[in-house]
Amino acid sequence: MHTDLYNFFRASFSAQQFRGWVRRLAPGGTKLAQALPDGYVDALTLFDVGADLLIRNSYVDAALFTGLAHEFPQKREQIAALAGRCGIMWQPPIAAIVTAPEGHSFTPLLAVALGIGGVFAWYPWTPATIERSSPVVEIPPDPVQVAPESTACIATDTATTVVHPPLIAPTDAGSKVTPPPKKKLKLGGTAGVPADAVVPAPVADADTKPASCQLSDELRRDLRALGQAKITSYGVKEAFSVTLQGGGSTPEVSRAPGAGQSVRRELYNRLKKLGPAELGRCRDISIDITFAKTDTTIVPRSP
């Protein structure tokens, strides 16, 4: 759950925007925001600590994802998937669409609304607090686009949109369509394989790296030996993200260990000691390192 929340915050918020969003959470958003690290901390550490605070204070519920959907309406599908991975049953609400009756115009109503809006614009307003129980009006999904030459039939009501597949014109009466026979290929003397059989692509090894980012085999062996020595249980894993910024000499490592996490602190301190000699070819590329008893993985992200 922590990793899913952290990855969403990192891809969606700026540091300042995240602090403001946490402050508007109800109840107790102000106190929760005060528990975040000070303004001099880097954004990755801020998102990491923020995810921990939300989990430990029982803020991960349907209201939290409703607040995220209000902040990022264009990401409602990603937020629904995030809620599912966190074990929360949540679906983005569907906004009501109001249409004018045939032969009528909204022009008078629009003029009145603009007039009222102009009066209220002179009054200061306090930003709305994200209530944990109030629904948020969502933008409806984009309508299904159908090419002009398609014969698909679209049946639409106010709640759902159903797309029926195009009808296939019948062939001549009494005629039958005979599919072409399947051809077989002989591969190295083995049994025949149908010509239209799908050959699965080889699965890439999880411990791979882009051509522009190469870590030495010595460093990989060192980190794997470290994971085997420090991780004492087979079911325990410690995940980090390491990034050496261009021109820097010390990498950024997240997430930082918490109180009482002595093993994680030792692994964290080892990664902080990595420098240009080990990571020089991977500048500005984040490397995901997961320490485990038997299968420590080191995966540079694509640049």
Protein backbone atom coordinates (compact mmCIF):
# COMPACT_ATOMS: atom_id res chain seq x y z
CA MET A 1 0.00 0.00 0.00
CA HIS A 2 2.80 2.43 0.94
CA THR A 3 4.63 1.92 -2.36
CA ASP A 4 1.42 2.43 -4.41
CA LEU A 5 0.56 5.69 -2.61
CA TYR A 6 4.18 6.92 -2.83
CA ASN A 7 4.38 6.27 -6.59
CA PHE A 8 1.06 8.07 -7.22
CA PHE A 9 2.09 11.11 -5.13
CA ARG A 10 5.47 11.29 -6.90
CA ALA A 11 3.85 11.18 -10.36
CA SER A 12 1.01 13.64 -9.55
CA PHE A 13 1.99 16.28 -6.94
CA SER A 14 4.60 18.93 -6.54
CA ALA A 15 5.91 19.29 -2.99
CA GLN A 16 3.95 22.52 -2.36
CA GLN A 17 0.76 21.11 -3.89
CA PHE A 18 1.02 17.96 -1.74
CA ARG A 19 1.37 19.98 1.49
CA GLY A 20 -1.74 22.04 0.60
CA TRP A 21 -3.76 18.93 -0.25
CA VAL A 22 -2.86 17.22 3.06
CA ARG A 23 -3.78 20.41 4.97
CA ARG A 24 -7.30 20.34 3.46
CA LEU A 25 -7.98 16.75 4.56
CA ALA A 26 -10.68 16.41 7.20
CA PRO A 27 -10.64 15.93 10.06
CA GLY A 28 -7.28 17.07 11.39
CA GLY A 29 -5.62 17.95 8.08
CA THR A 30 -3.77 20.94 9.59
CA LYS A 31 -2.20 18.83 12.34
CA LEU A 32 -1.33 16.14 9.78
CA ALA A 33 0.39 18.72 7.56
CA GLN A 34 2.41 19.99 10.55
CA ALA A 35 3.76 16.44 11.03
CA LEU A 36 5.31 16.50 7.55
CA PRO A 37 9.05 17.29 7.25
CA ASP A 38 10.04 20.95 6.97
CA GLY A 39 10.21 22.78 3.68
CA TYR A 40 13.91 22.03 3.13
CA VAL A 41 13.37 18.29 2.62
CA ASP A 42 13.41 16.90 -0.93
CA ALA A 43 10.06 16.01 -2.59
CA LEU A 44 10.69 12.25 -2.65
CA THR A 45 11.21 12.11 1.12
CA LEU A 46 8.12 14.32 1.61
CA PHE A 47 5.92 11.87 -0.38
CA ASP A 48 7.43 8.91 1.47
CA VAL A 49 6.74 10.36 4.93
CA GLY A 50 3.29 11.57 3.80
CA ALA A 51 2.27 8.06 2.74
CA ASP A 52 3.39 6.71 6.14
CA LEU A 53 1.39 9.38 8.00
CA LEU A 54 -1.79 8.66 6.02
CA ILE A 55 -1.51 4.90 6.68
CA ARG A 56 -0.63 5.17 10.40
CA ASN A 57 -3.45 7.70 11.07
CA SER A 58 -6.12 5.61 9.25
CA TYR A 59 -6.70 8.16 6.49
CA VAL A 60 -6.64 5.54 3.70
CA ASP A 61 -10.38 5.18 3.07
CA ALA A 62 -12.95 6.04 0.39
CA ALA A 63 -12.92 9.73 1.36
CA LEU A 64 -9.18 9.94 0.67
CA PHE A 65 -9.61 8.69 -2.91
CA THR A 66 -12.60 11.00 -3.41
CA GLY A 67 -10.30 13.87 -2.41
CA LEU A 68 -7.65 12.68 -4.88
CA ALA A 69 -10.27 12.48 -7.64
CA HIS A 70 -11.36 16.04 -6.83
CA GLU A 71 -7.70 17.16 -7.12
CA PHE A 72 -6.99 15.16 -10.31
CA PRO A 73 -10.28 14.56 -12.20
CA GLN A 74 -8.37 13.50 -15.30
CA LYS A 75 -6.83 10.59 -13.34
CA ARG A 76 -10.07 9.06 -12.02
CA GLU A 77 -9.34 5.65 -13.58
CA GLN A 78 -5.83 5.53 -12.09
CA ILE A 79 -7.26 6.55 -8.69
CA ALA A 80 -9.88 3.76 -8.87
CA ALA A 81 -7.11 1.23 -9.61
CA LEU A 82 -5.02 2.66 -6.75
CA ALA A 83 -7.95 2.26 -4.33
CA GLY A 84 -8.32 -1.38 -5.37
CA ARG A 85 -4.62 -2.08 -4.71
CA CYS A 86 -5.03 -0.50 -1.25
CA GLY A 87 -8.02 -2.74 -0.47
CA ILE A 88 -10.63 0.06 -0.61
CA MET A 89 -13.93 -0.42 -2.48
CA TRP A 90 -14.31 2.89 -4.33
CA GLN A 91 -15.64 4.02 -7.70
CA PRO A 92 -15.53 7.60 -9.06
CA PRO A 93 -19.03 9.16 -9.05
CA ILE A 94 -20.64 10.01 -12.41
CA ALA A 95 -21.52 13.69 -12.83
CA ALA A 96 -25.07 14.59 -13.91
CA ILE A 97 -25.32 16.16 -17.36
CA VAL A 98 -27.96 18.91 -17.74
CA THR A 99 -29.27 19.68 -21.24
CA ALA A 100 -31.61 22.42 -22.34
CA PRO A 101 -35.11 21.44 -23.62
CA GLU A 102 -35.47 21.51 -27.36
CA GLY A 103 -36.28 24.95 -28.66
CA HIS A 104 -35.04 26.74 -25.51
CA SER A 105 -31.85 28.60 -24.77
CA PHE A 106 -29.70 28.95 -21.69
CA THR A 107 -28.75 32.54 -22.62
CA PRO A 108 -31.02 34.29 -20.00
CA LEU A 109 -29.97 31.85 -17.28
CA LEU A 110 -26.33 32.30 -18.21
CA ALA A 111 -26.63 36.08 -17.95
CA VAL A 112 -28.22 35.81 -14.49
CA ALA A 113 -25.53 33.36 -13.34
CA LEU A 114 -22.74 35.64 -14.58
CA GLY A 115 -24.31 38.58 -12.77
CA ILE A 116 -24.53 36.71 -9.48
CA GLY A 117 -20.98 35.43 -9.97
CA GLY A 118 -19.76 39.00 -10.45
CA VAL A 119 -21.29 40.08 -7.11
CA PHE A 120 -19.81 37.17 -5.16
CA ALA A 121 -16.41 37.66 -6.81
CA TRP A 122 -15.84 40.71 -4.54
CA TYR A 123 -16.06 38.60 -1.37
CA PRO A 124 -13.00 36.70 -0.03
CA TRP A 125 -13.49 32.98 0.10
CA THR A 126 -11.71 30.36 2.17
CA PRO A 127 -10.57 27.25 0.19
CA ALA A 128 -13.04 24.44 0.64
CA THR A 129 -12.13 21.69 3.09
CA ILE A 130 -12.15 18.15 1.73
CA GLU A 131 -14.95 16.50 3.70
CA ARG A 132 -14.46 12.79 4.21
CA SER A 133 -18.13 11.94 3.72
CA SER A 134 -19.31 14.36 1.00
CA PRO A 135 -19.32 13.10 -2.63
CA VAL A 136 -17.35 14.87 -5.31
CA VAL A 137 -18.90 15.62 -8.69
CA GLU A 138 -16.83 13.96 -11.38
CA ILE A 139 -16.40 14.72 -15.08
CA PRO A 140 -18.12 11.94 -17.08
CA PRO A 141 -15.97 9.72 -19.30
CA ASP A 142 -15.32 10.90 -22.83
CA PRO A 143 -18.01 9.68 -25.25
CA VAL A 144 -17.15 6.68 -27.40
CA GLN A 145 -15.92 7.80 -30.82
CA VAL A 146 -17.19 5.76 -33.79
CA ALA A 147 -15.74 6.15 -37.30
CA PRO A 148 -18.30 7.41 -39.87
CA GLU A 149 -17.94 4.31 -42.05
CA SER A 150 -18.54 1.94 -39.13
CA THR A 151 -21.91 0.23 -38.92
CA ALA A 152 -21.76 -0.02 -35.11
CA CYS A 153 -24.95 0.93 -33.28
CA ILE A 154 -24.67 3.00 -30.11
CA ALA A 155 -27.47 2.91 -27.55
CA THR A 156 -27.15 5.66 -24.90
CA ASP A 157 -29.12 6.49 -21.77
CA THR A 158 -28.39 8.92 -18.93
CA ALA A 159 -26.33 6.42 -16.95
CA THR A 160 -24.44 4.13 -19.29
CA THR A 161 -23.21 3.89 -22.88
CA VAL A 162 -23.49 0.50 -24.59
CA VAL A 163 -21.66 -0.17 -27.84
CA HIS A 164 -23.04 -2.97 -29.99
CA PRO A 165 -20.67 -4.58 -32.51
CA PRO A 166 -21.36 -3.98 -36.20
CA LEU A 167 -23.56 -6.48 -37.94
CA ILE A 168 -21.85 -8.78 -40.47
CA ALA A 169 -23.60 -8.95 -43.81
CA PRO A 170 -24.71 -12.52 -44.66
CA THR A 171 -23.18 -14.31 -47.59
CA ASP A 172 -25.17 -15.74 -50.49
CA ALA A 173 -28.11 -17.86 -49.43
CA GLY A 174 -27.16 -21.42 -48.75
CA SER A 175 -23.43 -20.80 -49.09
CA LYS A 176 -20.95 -21.73 -46.38
CA VAL A 177 -17.72 -20.00 -45.49
CA THR A 178 -14.92 -22.53 -45.19
CA PRO A 179 -11.89 -21.29 -43.23
CA PRO A 180 -8.50 -21.93 -44.85
CA PRO A 181 -6.72 -25.01 -43.54
CA LYS A 182 -4.09 -24.43 -40.89
CA LYS A 183 -0.54 -24.97 -42.01
CA LYS A 184 2.02 -26.64 -39.83
CA LEU A 185 5.66 -25.80 -39.42
CA LYS A 186 8.28 -28.30 -38.39
CA LEU A 187 10.80 -26.83 -35.97
CA GLY A 188 13.98 -28.90 -35.57
CA GLY A 189 12.23 -32.25 -35.97
CA THR A 190 9.62 -31.52 -33.22
CA ALA A 191 5.88 -31.97 -33.59
CA GLY A 192 4.14 -29.71 -36.13
CA VAL A 193 3.04 -26.28 -34.92
CA PRO A 194 0.07 -24.46 -36.59
CA ALA A 195 1.23 -21.66 -38.86
CA ASP A 196 -1.06 -19.16 -37.11
CA ALA A 197 0.09 -20.20 -33.63
CA VAL A 198 1.25 -17.28 -31.45
CA VAL A 199 4.81 -17.74 -30.26
CA PRO A 200 5.23 -15.97 -26.90
CA ALA A 201 8.00 -13.43 -26.67
CA PRO A 202 10.83 -14.26 -24.30
CA VAL A 203 10.33 -12.86 -20.80
CA ALA A 204 12.94 -10.30 -19.81
CA ASP A 205 14.94 -10.91 -16.66
CA ALA A 206 13.76 -8.69 -13.81
CA ASP A 207 17.36 -7.70 -13.06
CA THR A 208 18.03 -5.92 -16.38
CA LYS A 209 19.22 -2.45 -17.23
CA PRO A 210 18.96 0.03 -20.17
CA ALA A 211 21.96 0.24 -22.45
CA SER A 212 22.70 3.78 -21.21
CA CYS A 213 22.86 2.72 -17.54
CA GLN A 214 25.33 -0.04 -16.62
CA LEU A 215 26.29 -1.05 -13.10
CA SER A 216 29.40 -3.14 -12.55
CA ASP A 217 29.08 -6.83 -11.76
CA GLU A 218 31.20 -6.22 -8.67
CA LEU A 219 28.66 -3.68 -7.31
CA ARG A 220 25.76 -6.03 -8.04
CA ARG A 221 27.49 -8.89 -6.18
CA ASP A 222 28.27 -6.57 -3.28
CA LEU A 223 24.64 -5.42 -2.91
CA ARG A 224 23.30 -8.95 -3.20
CA ALA A 225 25.70 -10.18 -0.52
CA LEU A 226 24.64 -7.25 1.67
CA GLY A 227 20.96 -8.21 1.32
CA GLN A 228 21.71 -11.85 2.16
CA ALA A 229 23.68 -10.82 5.26
CA LYS A 230 21.26 -8.20 6.63
CA ILE A 231 17.83 -9.70 5.74
CA THR A 232 17.31 -12.58 8.16
CA SER A 233 13.79 -13.71 7.14
CA TYR A 234 12.86 -15.08 3.72
CA GLY A 235 9.56 -13.17 3.61
CA VAL A 236 11.06 -9.74 4.38
CA LYS A 237 12.05 -7.25 1.66
CA GLU A 238 13.40 -3.71 1.88
CA ALA A 239 12.85 -1.53 -1.24
CA PHE A 240 14.71 1.69 -2.11
CA SER A 241 14.95 4.15 -5.03
CA VAL A 242 18.46 5.53 -5.72
CA THR A 243 19.07 8.54 -8.01
CA LEU A 244 22.39 10.31 -8.67
CA GLN A 245 21.49 13.74 -10.03
CA GLY A 246 23.63 15.29 -12.74
CA GLY A 247 26.60 17.11 -11.20
CA GLY A 248 25.94 15.62 -7.75
CA SER A 249 28.33 13.46 -5.74
CA THR A 250 25.86 11.87 -3.29
CA PRO A 251 22.75 10.01 -4.48
CA GLU A 252 19.18 10.65 -3.32
CA VAL A 253 17.84 7.54 -1.57
CA SER A 254 14.20 6.97 -0.64
CA ARG A 255 12.47 6.02 1.37
CA ALA A 256 14.38 6.90 4.55
CA PRO A 257 14.20 4.48 7.52
CA GLY A 258 11.89 5.21 10.41
CA ALA A 259 12.43 4.91 14.13
CA GLY A 260 13.48 1.42 15.19
CA GLN A 261 14.24 0.22 11.62
CA SER A 262 17.88 -0.66 12.30
CA VAL A 263 18.32 -3.08 9.36
CA ARG A 264 16.76 -0.63 6.91
CA ARG A 265 19.01 2.13 8.25
CA GLU A 266 22.15 0.05 7.59
CA LEU A 267 21.01 -0.64 4.01
CA TYR A 268 20.07 3.05 3.57
CA ASN A 269 23.49 4.25 4.81
CA ARG A 270 25.26 1.84 2.42
CA LEU A 271 23.33 3.21 -0.57
CA LYS A 272 24.03 6.82 0.47
CA LYS A 273 27.77 6.02 0.19
CA LEU A 274 27.47 5.18 -3.50
CA GLY A 275 29.05 7.85 -5.65
CA PRO A 276 29.97 8.74 -9.24
CA ALA A 277 32.45 5.85 -9.41
CA GLU A 278 29.58 3.33 -9.04
CA LEU A 279 26.66 5.31 -10.49
CA GLY A 280 28.39 7.61 -12.96
CA ARG A 281 26.86 5.93 -16.02
CA CYS A 282 23.38 6.13 -14.47
CA ARG A 283 23.14 9.84 -13.70
CA ASP A 284 19.56 11.18 -13.60
CA ILE A 285 18.22 7.59 -13.84
CA SER A 286 16.39 6.16 -10.82
CA ILE A 287 17.45 2.63 -9.82
CA ASP A 288 14.97 0.46 -7.89
CA ILE A 289 16.81 -1.82 -5.43
CA THR A 290 14.90 -4.44 -3.41
CA PHE A 291 16.96 -6.29 -0.80
CA ALA A 292 15.86 -9.82 0.09
CA LYS A 293 17.34 -12.93 1.61
CA THR A 294 17.78 -14.76 -1.71
CA ASP A 295 16.66 -12.58 -4.62
CA THR A 296 17.94 -9.00 -4.25
CA THR A 297 17.00 -7.15 -7.47
CA ILE A 298 18.63 -4.06 -9.04
CA VAL A 299 16.50 -2.55 -11.83
CA PRO A 300 17.42 0.80 -13.48
CA ARG A 301 14.39 2.57 -14.91
CA SER A 302 14.22 3.51 -18.56
CA PRO A 303 15.69 6.98 -19.14
